[in-house]
Amino acid sequence: MMRMLVATTNAGKLRDFAAALTLPAAGKAVELIPLPGLKEIEAPAEDEDTFGGNARVKALYYSRFALGELVLADDSGLEVDALLGAPGVRSARYAEDSCFVGEAGMNVDQRNNACLVEALHAVTEERRTGRYRCVLVAARDGVVIAEGDGTVEGTIALSPRGEGGFGYDPYFVPEGESGTMAELDQVTRMRLSHRGRALKDLVKNL
C-alpha cells in the first residue's frame, strides 16, 4: 500500500481524489490521507504562472512538515481558449482579480462564475472551448518525487445547470456529454475528472 499525505483542506478536492482511488490506478494500491495539522501551517505564496509551478511550490513546502512521507499537492483550474487561458492559475480568485463585486450574499464560486459569464457573454458557443486541468506533485523531504497531469476538454455554458460538483462545474460541459459536470452522476464525473486523471498519471510515474 502506497501512502500519500494530501496538502489540501478543500473538501471538494478531497472527495474527488478519494473517488478517483476507486478507479484503476496503474495497478497500485494507494492510500490518501489529509496532511496532519495542515490548518495550522501558514500557506506558501502561490505566485507561479503555471499549474505545475504552483503545485511544485506547495509539495516541496509541505513535505518539510512531514519528514519521510510522500506529500501530494495540486494546482488546478479552468482554462478558456477565448480568454487566452484565463482564469487559469487564478481560477479560485478570478472575480477578485477582475474587481467583480457581484450581488450581496454571493459566495466565492458564484462570484467567479458570474465573472466568467460576463467575460464570455459576447463569445459564440463554438468558441467557448476550454478545459479543466490539474497538475499533481508528490515530494518527500523537500525533493520532488513524481508529477502527474490531467485534463478534460469541454465547452462553457452561459447559464448554470446541475447541483453536483463545485467551482465552475455548473457551467462546464465535458466533451461528448450533453450535461454540465454538475449534472453528471458521480461515476461519470469521476471517470472524466481531471484530478482523477492527474492522480492516475502520478501513480503511474511513481
C-alpha atoms as a PDB file:
ATOM      1  CA  MET A   1       0.000   0.000   0.000  1.00  0.00           C
ATOM      2  CA  MET A   2       1.422   3.352  -1.067  1.00  0.00           C
ATOM      3  CA  ARG A   3       0.542   6.185   1.361  1.00  0.00           C
ATOM      4  CA  MET A   4       0.462   9.860   0.480  1.00  0.00           C
ATOM      5  CA  LEU A   5      -0.470  12.858   2.608  1.00  0.00           C
ATOM      6  CA  VAL A   6      -2.646  15.351   0.722  1.00  0.00           C
ATOM      7  CA  ALA A   7      -1.894  19.030   1.313  1.00  0.00           C
ATOM      8  CA  THR A   8      -5.392  20.448   0.869  1.00  0.00           C
ATOM      9  CA  THR A   9      -8.336  21.394   3.065  1.00  0.00           C
ATOM     10  CA  ASN A  10     -10.655  21.733   0.056  1.00  0.00           C
ATOM     11  CA  ALA A  11     -13.463  19.248   0.726  1.00  0.00           C
ATOM     12  CA  GLY A  12     -14.361  19.012  -2.969  1.00  0.00           C
ATOM     13  CA  LYS A  13     -10.820  18.107  -3.972  1.00  0.00           C
ATOM     14  CA  LEU A  14     -10.559  15.520  -1.205  1.00  0.00           C
ATOM     15  CA  ARG A  15     -13.804  13.918  -2.413  1.00  0.00           C
ATOM     16  CA  ASP A  16     -12.518  13.859  -5.996  1.00  0.00           C
ATOM     17  CA  PHE A  17      -9.225  12.249  -5.001  1.00  0.00           C
ATOM     18  CA  ALA A  18     -10.939   9.682  -2.773  1.00  0.00           C
ATOM     19  CA  ALA A  19     -13.381   8.762  -5.549  1.00  0.00           C
ATOM     20  CA  ALA A  20     -10.547   8.532  -8.072  1.00  0.00           C
ATOM     21  CA  LEU A  21      -8.993   5.759  -5.996  1.00  0.00           C
ATOM     22  CA  THR A  22     -11.956   3.526  -6.850  1.00  0.00           C
ATOM     23  CA  LEU A  23     -10.822   3.654 -10.485  1.00  0.00           C
ATOM     24  CA  PRO A  24      -7.906   1.627 -11.909  1.00  0.00           C
ATOM     25  CA  ALA A  25      -4.668   3.425 -10.976  1.00  0.00           C
ATOM     26  CA  ALA A  26      -1.801   1.673 -12.735  1.00  0.00           C
ATOM     27  CA  GLY A  27      -2.367  -1.453 -10.643  1.00  0.00           C
ATOM     28  CA  LYS A  28      -1.077   0.120  -7.427  1.00  0.00           C
ATOM     29  CA  ALA A  29      -2.967   0.396  -4.138  1.00  0.00           C
ATOM     30  CA  VAL A  30      -2.892   3.960  -2.831  1.00  0.00           C
ATOM     31  CA  GLU A  31      -3.995   5.435   0.482  1.00  0.00           C
ATOM     32  CA  LEU A  32      -4.559   9.184   0.621  1.00  0.00           C
ATOM     33  CA  ILE A  33      -4.995  10.969   3.952  1.00  0.00           C
ATOM     34  CA  PRO A  34      -5.060  14.715   4.763  1.00  0.00           C
ATOM     35  CA  LEU A  35      -1.754  16.174   5.916  1.00  0.00           C
ATOM     36  CA  PRO A  36      -1.988  16.322   9.742  1.00  0.00           C
ATOM     37  CA  GLY A  37      -2.122  19.846  11.184  1.00  0.00           C
ATOM     38  CA  LEU A  38      -2.460  21.467   7.764  1.00  0.00           C
ATOM     39  CA  LYS A  39      -4.809  24.192   9.032  1.00  0.00           C
ATOM     40  CA  GLU A  40      -2.149  25.348  11.494  1.00  0.00           C
ATOM     41  CA  ILE A  41       0.586  25.626   8.830  1.00  0.00           C
ATOM     42  CA  GLU A  42       0.946  29.000   7.145  1.00  0.00           C
ATOM     43  CA  ALA A  43       0.288  28.542   3.423  1.00  0.00           C
ATOM     44  CA  PRO A  44       3.061  29.339   0.909  1.00  0.00           C
ATOM     45  CA  ALA A  45       2.595  32.014  -1.734  1.00  0.00           C
ATOM     46  CA  GLU A  46       1.060  30.653  -4.957  1.00  0.00           C
ATOM     47  CA  ASP A  47       2.589  33.182  -7.329  1.00  0.00           C
ATOM     48  CA  GLU A  48       3.874  30.945 -10.117  1.00  0.00           C
ATOM     49  CA  ASP A  49       2.404  31.413 -13.601  1.00  0.00           C
ATOM     50  CA  THR A  50       1.725  27.710 -14.283  1.00  0.00           C
ATOM     51  CA  PHE A  51      -0.240  24.976 -12.515  1.00  0.00           C
ATOM     52  CA  GLY A  52       2.913  22.876 -12.346  1.00  0.00           C
ATOM     53  CA  GLY A  53       4.896  25.691 -10.770  1.00  0.00           C
ATOM     54  CA  ASN A  54       2.351  26.243  -8.003  1.00  0.00           C
ATOM     55  CA  ALA A  55       1.934  22.512  -7.355  1.00  0.00           C
ATOM     56  CA  ARG A  56       5.710  22.074  -7.012  1.00  0.00           C
ATOM     57  CA  VAL A  57       5.983  25.019  -4.612  1.00  0.00           C
ATOM     58  CA  LYS A  58       3.267  23.569  -2.386  1.00  0.00           C
ATOM     59  CA  ALA A  59       4.502  19.975  -2.479  1.00  0.00           C
ATOM     60  CA  LEU A  60       8.077  20.947  -1.639  1.00  0.00           C
ATOM     61  CA  TYR A  61       6.971  23.314   1.116  1.00  0.00           C
ATOM     62  CA  TYR A  62       4.524  20.983   2.851  1.00  0.00           C
ATOM     63  CA  SER A  63       6.808  17.937   2.557  1.00  0.00           C
ATOM     64  CA  ARG A  64       9.100  19.597   5.086  1.00  0.00           C
ATOM     65  CA  PHE A  65       6.327  19.333   7.687  1.00  0.00           C
ATOM     66  CA  ALA A  66       6.028  15.529   7.329  1.00  0.00           C
ATOM     67  CA  LEU A  67       9.556  14.189   7.030  1.00  0.00           C
ATOM     68  CA  GLY A  68       9.859  10.771   5.464  1.00  0.00           C
ATOM     69  CA  GLU A  69       6.343  10.897   3.992  1.00  0.00           C
ATOM     70  CA  LEU A  70       5.176  11.349   0.428  1.00  0.00           C
ATOM     71  CA  VAL A  71       3.250  14.624   0.344  1.00  0.00           C
ATOM     72  CA  LEU A  72       0.886  15.368  -2.506  1.00  0.00           C
ATOM     73  CA  ALA A  73      -0.096  18.876  -3.626  1.00  0.00           C
ATOM     74  CA  ASP A  74      -2.076  20.065  -6.607  1.00  0.00           C
ATOM     75  CA  ASP A  75      -2.913  23.142  -8.558  1.00  0.00           C
ATOM     76  CA  SER A  76      -5.897  23.046 -10.849  1.00  0.00           C
ATOM     77  CA  GLY A  77      -8.387  25.225 -12.626  1.00  0.00           C
ATOM     78  CA  LEU A  78     -10.224  26.158 -15.779  1.00  0.00           C
ATOM     79  CA  GLU A  79      -8.533  27.326 -18.989  1.00  0.00           C
ATOM     80  CA  VAL A  80     -10.791  29.065 -21.537  1.00  0.00           C
ATOM     81  CA  ASP A  81      -9.381  29.435 -25.051  1.00  0.00           C
ATOM     82  CA  ALA A  82     -11.300  32.612 -25.909  1.00  0.00           C
ATOM     83  CA  LEU A  83      -9.885  34.225 -22.743  1.00  0.00           C
ATOM     84  CA  LEU A  84      -6.297  33.263 -23.651  1.00  0.00           C
ATOM     85  CA  GLY A  85      -6.194  30.598 -20.959  1.00  0.00           C
ATOM     86  CA  ALA A  86      -7.869  32.574 -18.170  1.00  0.00           C
ATOM     87  CA  PRO A  87      -8.920  32.054 -15.425  1.00  0.00           C
ATOM     88  CA  GLY A  88      -6.022  29.554 -15.369  1.00  0.00           C
ATOM     89  CA  VAL A  89      -3.907  29.566 -12.226  1.00  0.00           C
ATOM     90  CA  ARG A  90      -6.142  32.324 -10.848  1.00  0.00           C
ATOM     91  CA  SER A  91      -9.310  30.219 -11.157  1.00  0.00           C
ATOM     92  CA  ALA A  92     -10.073  30.418  -7.436  1.00  0.00           C
ATOM     93  CA  ARG A  93      -9.515  34.188  -7.400  1.00  0.00           C
ATOM     94  CA  TYR A  94     -10.871  35.134 -10.825  1.00  0.00           C
ATOM     95  CA  ALA A  95     -13.563  37.552  -9.605  1.00  0.00           C
ATOM     96  CA  GLU A  96     -11.157  39.100  -7.126  1.00  0.00           C
ATOM     97  CA  ASP A  97      -8.644  39.800  -9.909  1.00  0.00           C
ATOM     98  CA  SER A  98     -11.345  41.218 -12.172  1.00  0.00           C
ATOM     99  CA  CYS A  99     -12.703  43.551  -9.466  1.00  0.00           C
ATOM    100  CA  PHE A 100     -16.125  41.914  -9.804  1.00  0.00           C
ATOM    101  CA  VAL A 101     -18.228  42.515  -6.717  1.00  0.00           C
ATOM    102  CA  GLY A 102     -21.422  40.638  -7.552  1.00  0.00           C
ATOM    103  CA  GLU A 103     -24.634  40.591  -5.582  1.00  0.00           C
ATOM    104  CA  ALA A 104     -24.912  40.536  -1.818  1.00  0.00           C
ATOM    105  CA  GLY A 105     -24.765  37.021  -0.442  1.00  0.00           C
ATOM    106  CA  MET A 106     -22.777  35.518  -3.312  1.00  0.00           C
ATOM    107  CA  ASN A 107     -20.103  33.031  -2.294  1.00  0.00           C
ATOM    108  CA  VAL A 108     -16.688  32.797  -3.956  1.00  0.00           C
ATOM    109  CA  ASP A 109     -17.770  30.204  -6.537  1.00  0.00           C
ATOM    110  CA  GLN A 110     -20.826  32.252  -7.507  1.00  0.00           C
ATOM    111  CA  ARG A 111     -18.756  35.425  -7.939  1.00  0.00           C
ATOM    112  CA  ASN A 112     -16.153  33.601 -10.034  1.00  0.00           C
ATOM    113  CA  ASN A 113     -18.832  32.080 -12.246  1.00  0.00           C
ATOM    114  CA  ALA A 114     -20.634  35.410 -12.677  1.00  0.00           C
ATOM    115  CA  CYS A 115     -17.326  36.956 -13.735  1.00  0.00           C
ATOM    116  CA  LEU A 116     -16.722  34.130 -16.231  1.00  0.00           C
ATOM    117  CA  VAL A 117     -20.175  34.526 -17.792  1.00  0.00           C
ATOM    118  CA  GLU A 118     -19.654  38.272 -18.028  1.00  0.00           C
ATOM    119  CA  ALA A 119     -16.347  37.754 -19.844  1.00  0.00           C
ATOM    120  CA  LEU A 120     -17.918  35.277 -22.305  1.00  0.00           C
ATOM    121  CA  HIS A 121     -21.336  36.841 -22.903  1.00  0.00           C
ATOM    122  CA  ALA A 122     -20.411  38.005 -26.433  1.00  0.00           C
ATOM    123  CA  VAL A 123     -18.469  34.839 -27.377  1.00  0.00           C
ATOM    124  CA  THR A 124     -20.248  32.347 -29.641  1.00  0.00           C
ATOM    125  CA  GLU A 125     -20.807  28.804 -28.377  1.00  0.00           C
ATOM    126  CA  GLU A 126     -18.352  27.196 -30.779  1.00  0.00           C
ATOM    127  CA  ARG A 127     -15.599  29.471 -29.460  1.00  0.00           C
ATOM    128  CA  ARG A 128     -16.350  28.876 -25.769  1.00  0.00           C
ATOM    129  CA  THR A 129     -13.986  25.915 -25.629  1.00  0.00           C
ATOM    130  CA  GLY A 130     -11.696  25.147 -22.752  1.00  0.00           C
ATOM    131  CA  ARG A 131     -10.531  22.535 -20.324  1.00  0.00           C
ATOM    132  CA  TYR A 132     -10.194  21.632 -16.701  1.00  0.00           C
ATOM    133  CA  ARG A 133      -6.551  20.977 -15.873  1.00  0.00           C
ATOM    134  CA  CYS A 134      -4.853  19.567 -12.801  1.00  0.00           C
ATOM    135  CA  VAL A 135      -1.165  19.091 -12.044  1.00  0.00           C
ATOM    136  CA  LEU A 136      -0.197  16.945  -9.055  1.00  0.00           C
ATOM    137  CA  VAL A 137       3.250  16.813  -7.490  1.00  0.00           C
ATOM    138  CA  ALA A 138       4.479  14.327  -4.903  1.00  0.00           C
ATOM    139  CA  ALA A 139       7.502  15.322  -2.803  1.00  0.00           C
ATOM    140  CA  ARG A 140       9.436  13.840   0.081  1.00  0.00           C
ATOM    141  CA  ASP A 141      11.702  15.820   2.408  1.00  0.00           C
ATOM    142  CA  GLY A 142      11.907  18.801   0.047  1.00  0.00           C
ATOM    143  CA  VAL A 143      12.571  16.764  -3.116  1.00  0.00           C
ATOM    144  CA  VAL A 144      10.119  16.235  -5.980  1.00  0.00           C
ATOM    145  CA  ILE A 145       9.497  12.520  -6.493  1.00  0.00           C
ATOM    146  CA  ALA A 146       6.902  12.469  -9.282  1.00  0.00           C
ATOM    147  CA  GLU A 147       4.349  14.571 -11.141  1.00  0.00           C
ATOM    148  CA  GLY A 148       1.028  13.888 -12.837  1.00  0.00           C
ATOM    149  CA  ASP A 149      -1.048  15.888 -15.300  1.00  0.00           C
ATOM    150  CA  GLY A 150      -4.717  15.506 -16.184  1.00  0.00           C
ATOM    151  CA  THR A 151      -7.143  17.408 -18.403  1.00  0.00           C
ATOM    152  CA  VAL A 152     -10.731  17.137 -19.596  1.00  0.00           C
ATOM    153  CA  GLU A 153     -11.810  19.143 -22.650  1.00  0.00           C
ATOM    154  CA  GLY A 154     -15.194  20.809 -22.930  1.00  0.00           C
ATOM    155  CA  THR A 155     -17.224  23.960 -23.550  1.00  0.00           C
ATOM    156  CA  ILE A 156     -18.541  26.688 -21.288  1.00  0.00           C
ATOM    157  CA  ALA A 157     -22.291  27.236 -20.845  1.00  0.00           C
ATOM    158  CA  LEU A 158     -23.641  30.703 -20.047  1.00  0.00           C
ATOM    159  CA  SER A 159     -26.221  29.539 -17.514  1.00  0.00           C
ATOM    160  CA  PRO A 160     -25.745  27.100 -14.630  1.00  0.00           C
ATOM    161  CA  ARG A 161     -27.159  23.585 -14.686  1.00  0.00           C
ATOM    162  CA  GLY A 162     -26.956  20.918 -12.021  1.00  0.00           C
ATOM    163  CA  GLU A 163     -26.364  20.707  -8.290  1.00  0.00           C
ATOM    164  CA  GLY A 164     -23.331  18.416  -8.117  1.00  0.00           C
ATOM    165  CA  GLY A 165     -19.641  19.260  -8.037  1.00  0.00           C
ATOM    166  CA  PHE A 166     -18.249  22.660  -7.096  1.00  0.00           C
ATOM    167  CA  GLY A 167     -16.405  25.614  -8.592  1.00  0.00           C
ATOM    168  CA  TYR A 168     -17.134  26.033 -12.299  1.00  0.00           C
ATOM    169  CA  ASP A 169     -18.847  22.622 -12.618  1.00  0.00           C
ATOM    170  CA  PRO A 170     -22.388  24.001 -13.281  1.00  0.00           C
ATOM    171  CA  TYR A 171     -21.022  25.791 -16.383  1.00  0.00           C
ATOM    172  CA  PHE A 172     -18.566  23.217 -17.753  1.00  0.00           C
ATOM    173  CA  VAL A 173     -19.872  20.718 -20.336  1.00  0.00           C
ATOM    174  CA  PRO A 174     -17.332  17.910 -20.882  1.00  0.00           C
ATOM    175  CA  GLU A 175     -16.614  16.885 -24.447  1.00  0.00           C
ATOM    176  CA  GLY A 176     -19.006  14.160 -25.578  1.00  0.00           C
ATOM    177  CA  GLU A 177     -21.551  14.899 -22.837  1.00  0.00           C
ATOM    178  CA  SER A 178     -24.808  16.851 -23.027  1.00  0.00           C
ATOM    179  CA  GLY A 179     -24.884  17.822 -19.355  1.00  0.00           C
ATOM    180  CA  THR A 180     -22.603  20.007 -17.290  1.00  0.00           C
ATOM    181  CA  MET A 181     -20.140  18.461 -14.865  1.00  0.00           C
ATOM    182  CA  ALA A 182     -22.592  19.365 -12.092  1.00  0.00           C
ATOM    183  CA  GLU A 183     -25.366  17.363 -13.808  1.00  0.00           C
ATOM    184  CA  LEU A 184     -23.387  14.164 -14.269  1.00  0.00           C
ATOM    185  CA  ASP A 185     -23.660  11.244 -11.884  1.00  0.00           C
ATOM    186  CA  GLN A 186     -20.746  10.627  -9.551  1.00  0.00           C
ATOM    187  CA  VAL A 187     -19.374   7.676 -11.527  1.00  0.00           C
ATOM    188  CA  THR A 188     -19.310   9.608 -14.813  1.00  0.00           C
ATOM    189  CA  ARG A 189     -17.890  12.714 -13.160  1.00  0.00           C
ATOM    190  CA  MET A 190     -15.048  10.713 -11.628  1.00  0.00           C
ATOM    191  CA  ARG A 191     -14.361   8.931 -14.917  1.00  0.00           C
ATOM    192  CA  LEU A 192     -13.919  12.337 -16.565  1.00  0.00           C
ATOM    193  CA  SER A 193     -12.261  14.074 -13.617  1.00  0.00           C
ATOM    194  CA  HIS A 194      -9.070  15.980 -14.393  1.00  0.00           C
ATOM    195  CA  ARG A 195      -7.979  15.308 -10.815  1.00  0.00           C
ATOM    196  CA  GLY A 196      -8.587  11.592 -11.219  1.00  0.00           C
ATOM    197  CA  ARG A 197      -6.609  11.558 -14.465  1.00  0.00           C
ATOM    198  CA  ALA A 198      -3.764  13.502 -12.864  1.00  0.00           C
ATOM    199  CA  LEU A 199      -3.702  11.108  -9.904  1.00  0.00           C
ATOM    200  CA  LYS A 200      -3.583   8.075 -12.182  1.00  0.00           C
ATOM    201  CA  ASP A 201      -0.744   9.681 -14.163  1.00  0.00           C
ATOM    202  CA  LEU A 202       1.191  10.477 -10.980  1.00  0.00           C
ATOM    203  CA  VAL A 203       0.790   6.971  -9.556  1.00  0.00           C
ATOM    204  CA  LYS A 204       1.977   5.520 -12.849  1.00  0.00           C
ATOM    205  CA  ASN A 205       5.028   7.786 -12.734  1.00  0.00           C
ATOM    206  CA  LEU A 206       5.777   6.754  -9.161  1.00  0.00           C
END
